[in-house]
């Protein structure tokens, strides 16, 4: 019983790694090529190859070491490259040119 629970936990872990790699690949594919250059990151083709290999490894080769390498690449893309691409492309997380004193419903003026 404990072994089957561990097996299902591993299957969920493998599924989560696959989903992360696919989501990172889709984000890399939908970003503009010039945004990569403007953000001073590697080329779009580099990230598409790395993340595509991560997706392929997760789907075809069930070797945990290779899958973990793909997870690391996906996390680096999601944490470092994607925010830089969004900042260059003007997608600043819902703020379009707002100041630092803007709240969720507009500027905060201190109750004045």
N, C-alpha and C. Protein backbone atom coordinates (compact mmCIF):
# COMPACT_ATOMS: atom_id res chain seq x y z
N UNK A 1 0.83 -1.19 0.00
CA UNK A 1 0.00 0.00 0.00
C UNK A 1 0.87 1.25 0.00
N UNK A 2 1.91 1.25 0.81
CA UNK A 2 2.79 2.41 0.87
C UNK A 2 3.55 2.58 -0.44
N UNK A 3 3.91 1.46 -1.06
CA UNK A 3 4.64 1.52 -2.32
C UNK A 3 3.76 2.07 -3.45
N UNK A 4 2.49 1.71 -3.45
CA UNK A 4 1.60 2.24 -4.49
C UNK A 4 1.35 3.73 -4.29
N UNK A 5 1.28 4.18 -3.04
CA UNK A 5 1.12 5.61 -2.77
C UNK A 5 2.36 6.37 -3.24
N UNK A 6 3.54 5.80 -3.01
CA UNK A 6 4.77 6.43 -3.48
C UNK A 6 4.81 6.49 -5.00
N UNK A 7 4.34 5.42 -5.65
CA UNK A 7 4.29 5.40 -7.12
C UNK A 7 3.36 6.45 -7.67
N UNK A 8 2.22 6.65 -7.04
CA UNK A 8 1.29 7.67 -7.52
C UNK A 8 1.84 9.08 -7.24
N UNK A 9 2.59 9.23 -6.15
CA UNK A 9 3.23 10.52 -5.88
C UNK A 9 4.28 10.83 -6.94
N UNK A 10 5.04 9.82 -7.34
CA UNK A 10 6.03 10.02 -8.40
C UNK A 10 5.36 10.35 -9.73
N UNK A 11 4.23 9.73 -10.01
CA UNK A 11 3.51 10.05 -11.25
C UNK A 11 3.03 11.49 -11.24
N UNK A 12 2.56 11.97 -10.11
CA UNK A 12 2.16 13.38 -10.01
C UNK A 12 3.35 14.31 -10.18
N UNK A 13 4.50 13.92 -9.64
CA UNK A 13 5.71 14.71 -9.79
C UNK A 13 6.13 14.77 -11.26
N UNK A 14 6.10 13.63 -11.95
CA UNK A 14 6.43 13.60 -13.37
C UNK A 14 5.46 14.45 -14.18
N UNK A 15 4.19 14.40 -13.84
CA UNK A 15 3.19 15.21 -14.54
C UNK A 15 3.44 16.69 -14.31
N UNK A 16 3.77 17.06 -13.09
CA UNK A 16 4.05 18.47 -12.78
C UNK A 16 5.28 18.96 -13.55
N UNK A 17 6.30 18.11 -13.66
CA UNK A 17 7.49 18.50 -14.42
C UNK A 17 7.16 18.67 -15.90
N UNK A 18 6.31 17.81 -16.43
CA UNK A 18 5.91 17.92 -17.83
C UNK A 18 5.10 19.19 -18.05
N UNK A 19 4.16 19.48 -17.17
CA UNK A 19 3.33 20.68 -17.32
C UNK A 19 4.19 21.94 -17.26
N UNK A 20 5.14 21.98 -16.33
CA UNK A 20 6.02 23.14 -16.23
C UNK A 20 6.83 23.32 -17.50
N UNK A 21 7.35 22.25 -18.06
CA UNK A 21 8.14 22.34 -19.28
C UNK A 21 7.28 22.79 -20.47
N UNK A 22 6.07 22.29 -20.56
CA UNK A 22 5.18 22.67 -21.66
C UNK A 22 4.79 24.14 -21.54
N UNK A 23 4.46 24.59 -20.34
CA UNK A 23 4.07 25.99 -20.14
C UNK A 23 5.24 26.92 -20.47
N UNK A 24 6.44 26.56 -20.02
CA UNK A 24 7.62 27.37 -20.32
C UNK A 24 7.88 27.40 -21.83
N UNK A 25 7.70 26.26 -22.50
CA UNK A 25 7.89 26.20 -23.95
C UNK A 25 6.89 27.09 -24.68
N UNK A 26 5.65 27.07 -24.24
CA UNK A 26 4.62 27.90 -24.88
C UNK A 26 4.93 29.38 -24.67
N UNK A 27 5.34 29.76 -23.46
CA UNK A 27 5.70 31.16 -23.21
C UNK A 27 6.91 31.56 -24.07
N UNK A 28 7.88 30.67 -24.20
CA UNK A 28 9.06 30.98 -25.02
C UNK A 28 8.69 31.12 -26.48
N UNK A 29 7.76 30.30 -26.95
CA UNK A 29 7.36 30.34 -28.35
C UNK A 29 6.53 31.57 -28.68
N UNK A 30 5.76 32.07 -27.72
CA UNK A 30 4.87 33.20 -28.01
C UNK A 30 5.55 34.56 -27.84
N UNK A 31 6.73 34.60 -27.22
CA UNK A 31 7.43 35.87 -27.07
C UNK A 31 8.09 36.27 -28.39
N UNK A 32 8.23 37.56 -28.59
CA UNK A 32 8.84 38.07 -29.82
C UNK A 32 10.36 37.87 -29.79
N UNK A 33 10.95 37.66 -30.96
CA UNK A 33 12.39 37.46 -31.07
C UNK A 33 13.16 38.69 -30.62
N UNK A 34 12.68 39.87 -30.98
CA UNK A 34 13.41 41.08 -30.62
C UNK A 34 13.36 41.36 -29.12
N UNK A 35 12.39 40.81 -28.43
CA UNK A 35 12.32 40.99 -26.97
C UNK A 35 13.47 40.26 -26.29
N UNK A 36 13.88 39.13 -26.83
CA UNK A 36 15.02 38.40 -26.26
C UNK A 36 16.29 39.24 -26.38
N UNK A 37 16.47 39.87 -27.55
CA UNK A 37 17.66 40.71 -27.74
C UNK A 37 17.60 41.95 -26.87
N UNK A 38 16.42 42.55 -26.76
CA UNK A 38 16.29 43.77 -25.96
C UNK A 38 16.49 43.48 -24.47
N UNK A 39 16.11 42.30 -24.02
CA UNK A 39 16.28 41.92 -22.61
C UNK A 39 17.67 41.37 -22.34
N UNK A 40 18.50 41.28 -23.38
CA UNK A 40 19.87 40.77 -23.27
C UNK A 40 19.89 39.34 -22.72
N UNK A 41 19.02 38.51 -23.27
CA UNK A 41 18.96 37.09 -22.93
C UNK A 41 19.39 36.28 -24.15
N UNK A 42 19.53 34.98 -23.98
CA UNK A 42 19.88 34.12 -25.12
C UNK A 42 18.80 34.24 -26.19
N UNK A 43 19.13 33.76 -27.39
CA UNK A 43 18.19 33.85 -28.51
C UNK A 43 16.94 33.02 -28.25
N UNK A 44 15.89 33.37 -28.96
CA UNK A 44 14.64 32.62 -28.85
C UNK A 44 14.83 31.18 -29.27
N UNK A 45 15.61 30.95 -30.32
CA UNK A 45 15.83 29.58 -30.79
C UNK A 45 16.55 28.75 -29.73
N UNK A 46 17.47 29.35 -28.97
CA UNK A 46 18.16 28.64 -27.90
C UNK A 46 17.14 28.14 -26.87
N UNK A 47 16.26 29.02 -26.42
CA UNK A 47 15.28 28.63 -25.40
C UNK A 47 14.27 27.63 -25.94
N UNK A 48 13.90 27.77 -27.22
CA UNK A 48 12.97 26.81 -27.80
C UNK A 48 13.59 25.41 -27.88
N UNK A 49 14.87 25.34 -28.21
CA UNK A 49 15.54 24.03 -28.28
C UNK A 49 15.65 23.44 -26.87
N UNK A 50 16.13 24.23 -25.92
CA UNK A 50 16.32 23.72 -24.56
C UNK A 50 14.99 23.26 -23.96
N UNK A 51 13.96 24.08 -24.08
CA UNK A 51 12.66 23.72 -23.50
C UNK A 51 11.97 22.63 -24.30
N UNK A 52 12.18 22.58 -25.61
CA UNK A 52 11.64 21.50 -26.41
C UNK A 52 12.26 20.16 -26.04
N UNK A 53 13.56 20.17 -25.79
CA UNK A 53 14.23 18.94 -25.34
C UNK A 53 13.69 18.54 -23.96
N UNK A 54 13.44 19.53 -23.10
CA UNK A 54 12.89 19.22 -21.77
C UNK A 54 11.52 18.55 -21.90
N UNK A 55 10.68 19.05 -22.80
CA UNK A 55 9.37 18.44 -23.01
C UNK A 55 9.52 17.03 -23.58
N UNK A 56 10.42 16.87 -24.56
CA UNK A 56 10.62 15.55 -25.17
C UNK A 56 11.15 14.54 -24.16
N UNK A 57 12.08 14.98 -23.32
CA UNK A 57 12.63 14.07 -22.31
C UNK A 57 11.53 13.65 -21.34
N UNK A 58 10.69 14.59 -20.93
CA UNK A 58 9.61 14.25 -20.01
C UNK A 58 8.61 13.29 -20.63
N UNK A 59 8.40 13.40 -21.93
CA UNK A 59 7.44 12.53 -22.59
C UNK A 59 8.03 11.17 -22.97
N UNK A 60 9.29 11.15 -23.40
CA UNK A 60 9.83 9.95 -24.02
C UNK A 60 10.84 9.18 -23.18
N UNK A 61 11.62 9.87 -22.37
CA UNK A 61 12.72 9.22 -21.65
C UNK A 61 12.50 9.38 -20.15
N UNK A 62 12.01 8.35 -19.50
CA UNK A 62 11.73 8.50 -18.06
C UNK A 62 12.97 8.34 -17.19
N UNK A 63 13.96 9.20 -17.43
CA UNK A 63 15.18 9.19 -16.61
C UNK A 63 15.14 10.43 -15.73
N UNK A 64 15.11 10.23 -14.44
CA UNK A 64 14.91 11.32 -13.51
C UNK A 64 15.98 12.38 -13.63
N UNK A 65 17.23 12.01 -13.86
CA UNK A 65 18.31 12.99 -13.96
C UNK A 65 18.07 13.95 -15.13
N UNK A 66 17.69 13.41 -16.28
CA UNK A 66 17.42 14.26 -17.44
C UNK A 66 16.17 15.11 -17.22
N UNK A 67 15.19 14.55 -16.56
CA UNK A 67 13.97 15.31 -16.28
C UNK A 67 14.26 16.47 -15.32
N UNK A 68 15.11 16.22 -14.33
CA UNK A 68 15.48 17.30 -13.41
C UNK A 68 16.24 18.40 -14.11
N UNK A 69 17.08 18.07 -15.07
CA UNK A 69 17.78 19.08 -15.86
C UNK A 69 16.77 19.93 -16.64
N UNK A 70 15.74 19.30 -17.16
CA UNK A 70 14.69 20.03 -17.86
C UNK A 70 13.90 20.93 -16.93
N UNK A 71 13.67 20.47 -15.70
CA UNK A 71 12.96 21.29 -14.72
C UNK A 71 13.79 22.52 -14.36
N UNK A 72 15.09 22.33 -14.21
CA UNK A 72 15.97 23.47 -13.91
C UNK A 72 15.92 24.49 -15.05
N UNK A 73 15.99 24.02 -16.29
CA UNK A 73 15.90 24.93 -17.43
C UNK A 73 14.56 25.65 -17.47
N UNK A 74 13.49 24.94 -17.18
CA UNK A 74 12.16 25.56 -17.17
C UNK A 74 12.03 26.60 -16.07
N UNK A 75 12.57 26.30 -14.90
CA UNK A 75 12.50 27.25 -13.79
C UNK A 75 13.33 28.49 -14.10
N UNK A 76 14.52 28.29 -14.69
CA UNK A 76 15.35 29.45 -15.05
C UNK A 76 14.60 30.33 -16.05
N UNK A 77 13.94 29.71 -17.02
CA UNK A 77 13.19 30.51 -17.99
C UNK A 77 12.05 31.26 -17.30
N UNK A 78 11.28 30.57 -16.47
CA UNK A 78 10.11 31.19 -15.86
C UNK A 78 10.47 32.27 -14.84
N UNK A 79 11.59 32.11 -14.15
CA UNK A 79 11.95 33.04 -13.08
C UNK A 79 12.83 34.19 -13.58
N UNK A 80 13.68 33.93 -14.56
CA UNK A 80 14.62 34.95 -15.01
C UNK A 80 14.26 35.53 -16.37
N UNK A 81 14.06 34.70 -17.36
CA UNK A 81 13.90 35.18 -18.73
C UNK A 81 12.50 35.76 -18.96
N UNK A 82 11.48 35.06 -18.53
CA UNK A 82 10.11 35.53 -18.79
C UNK A 82 9.82 36.89 -18.18
N UNK A 83 10.18 37.16 -16.92
CA UNK A 83 9.94 38.52 -16.41
C UNK A 83 10.71 39.59 -17.18
N UNK A 84 11.93 39.27 -17.63
CA UNK A 84 12.68 40.25 -18.42
C UNK A 84 12.00 40.50 -19.76
N UNK A 85 11.46 39.45 -20.37
CA UNK A 85 10.74 39.62 -21.63
C UNK A 85 9.48 40.44 -21.44
N UNK A 86 8.77 40.20 -20.33
CA UNK A 86 7.56 40.96 -20.06
C UNK A 86 7.88 42.43 -19.81
N UNK A 87 8.98 42.71 -19.12
CA UNK A 87 9.35 44.09 -18.84
C UNK A 87 9.71 44.83 -20.13
N UNK A 88 10.39 44.15 -21.04
CA UNK A 88 10.78 44.77 -22.30
C UNK A 88 9.58 44.94 -23.21
N UNK A 89 8.67 43.98 -23.19
CA UNK A 89 7.50 44.02 -24.07
C UNK A 89 6.41 44.93 -23.57
N UNK A 90 6.55 45.46 -22.37
CA UNK A 90 5.53 46.35 -21.83
C UNK A 90 4.47 45.64 -21.04
N UNK A 91 4.61 44.37 -20.78
CA UNK A 91 3.64 43.63 -19.99
C UNK A 91 4.07 43.57 -18.54
N UNK A 92 3.97 44.68 -17.84
CA UNK A 92 4.48 44.77 -16.47
C UNK A 92 3.52 44.25 -15.43
N UNK A 93 2.83 43.18 -15.65
CA UNK A 93 1.98 42.57 -14.63
C UNK A 93 0.73 43.37 -14.32
N UNK A 94 0.10 43.92 -15.33
CA UNK A 94 -1.15 44.65 -15.12
C UNK A 94 -0.96 46.14 -14.94
N UNK A 95 0.24 46.59 -14.78
CA UNK A 95 0.50 48.02 -14.65
C UNK A 95 0.95 48.55 -15.99
N UNK A 96 0.18 49.41 -16.55
CA UNK A 96 0.60 49.98 -17.82
C UNK A 96 1.00 51.43 -17.58
N UNK A 97 2.25 51.60 -17.20
CA UNK A 97 2.78 52.93 -17.02
C UNK A 97 2.41 53.58 -15.71
N UNK A 98 1.93 52.83 -14.73
CA UNK A 98 1.52 53.41 -13.47
C UNK A 98 2.70 53.74 -12.57
N UNK A 99 2.44 54.55 -11.56
CA UNK A 99 3.51 54.89 -10.63
C UNK A 99 3.53 53.88 -9.49
N UNK A 100 4.53 54.03 -8.61
CA UNK A 100 4.66 53.09 -7.50
C UNK A 100 3.58 53.29 -6.45
N UNK A 101 2.85 54.40 -6.50
CA UNK A 101 1.79 54.63 -5.52
C UNK A 101 0.43 54.19 -6.02
N UNK A 102 0.38 53.55 -7.16
CA UNK A 102 -0.89 53.08 -7.68
C UNK A 102 -1.36 51.85 -6.93
N UNK A 103 -2.62 51.85 -6.56
CA UNK A 103 -3.23 50.69 -5.93
C UNK A 103 -3.94 49.86 -6.98
N UNK A 104 -4.69 48.84 -6.55
CA UNK A 104 -5.36 47.98 -7.52
C UNK A 104 -6.48 48.67 -8.28
N UNK A 105 -6.99 49.81 -7.74
CA UNK A 105 -8.11 50.50 -8.39
C UNK A 105 -7.72 51.89 -8.86
N UNK A 106 -6.44 52.17 -8.92
CA UNK A 106 -5.99 53.48 -9.38
C UNK A 106 -5.00 54.07 -8.40
N UNK A 107 -4.67 55.35 -8.59
CA UNK A 107 -3.66 55.97 -7.74
C UNK A 107 -4.16 56.13 -6.30
N UNK A 108 -3.27 55.94 -5.38
CA UNK A 108 -3.57 56.15 -3.97
C UNK A 108 -3.12 57.55 -3.59
N UNK A 109 -4.05 58.34 -3.10
CA UNK A 109 -3.71 59.72 -2.78
C UNK A 109 -3.77 60.01 -1.29
N UNK A 110 -3.75 59.02 -0.46
CA UNK A 110 -3.70 59.24 0.99
C UNK A 110 -5.00 59.73 1.57
N UNK A 111 -6.12 59.45 0.95
CA UNK A 111 -7.42 59.85 1.49
C UNK A 111 -7.77 61.30 1.20
N UNK A 112 -7.06 61.92 0.29
CA UNK A 112 -7.36 63.33 -0.07
C UNK A 112 -8.35 63.40 -1.17
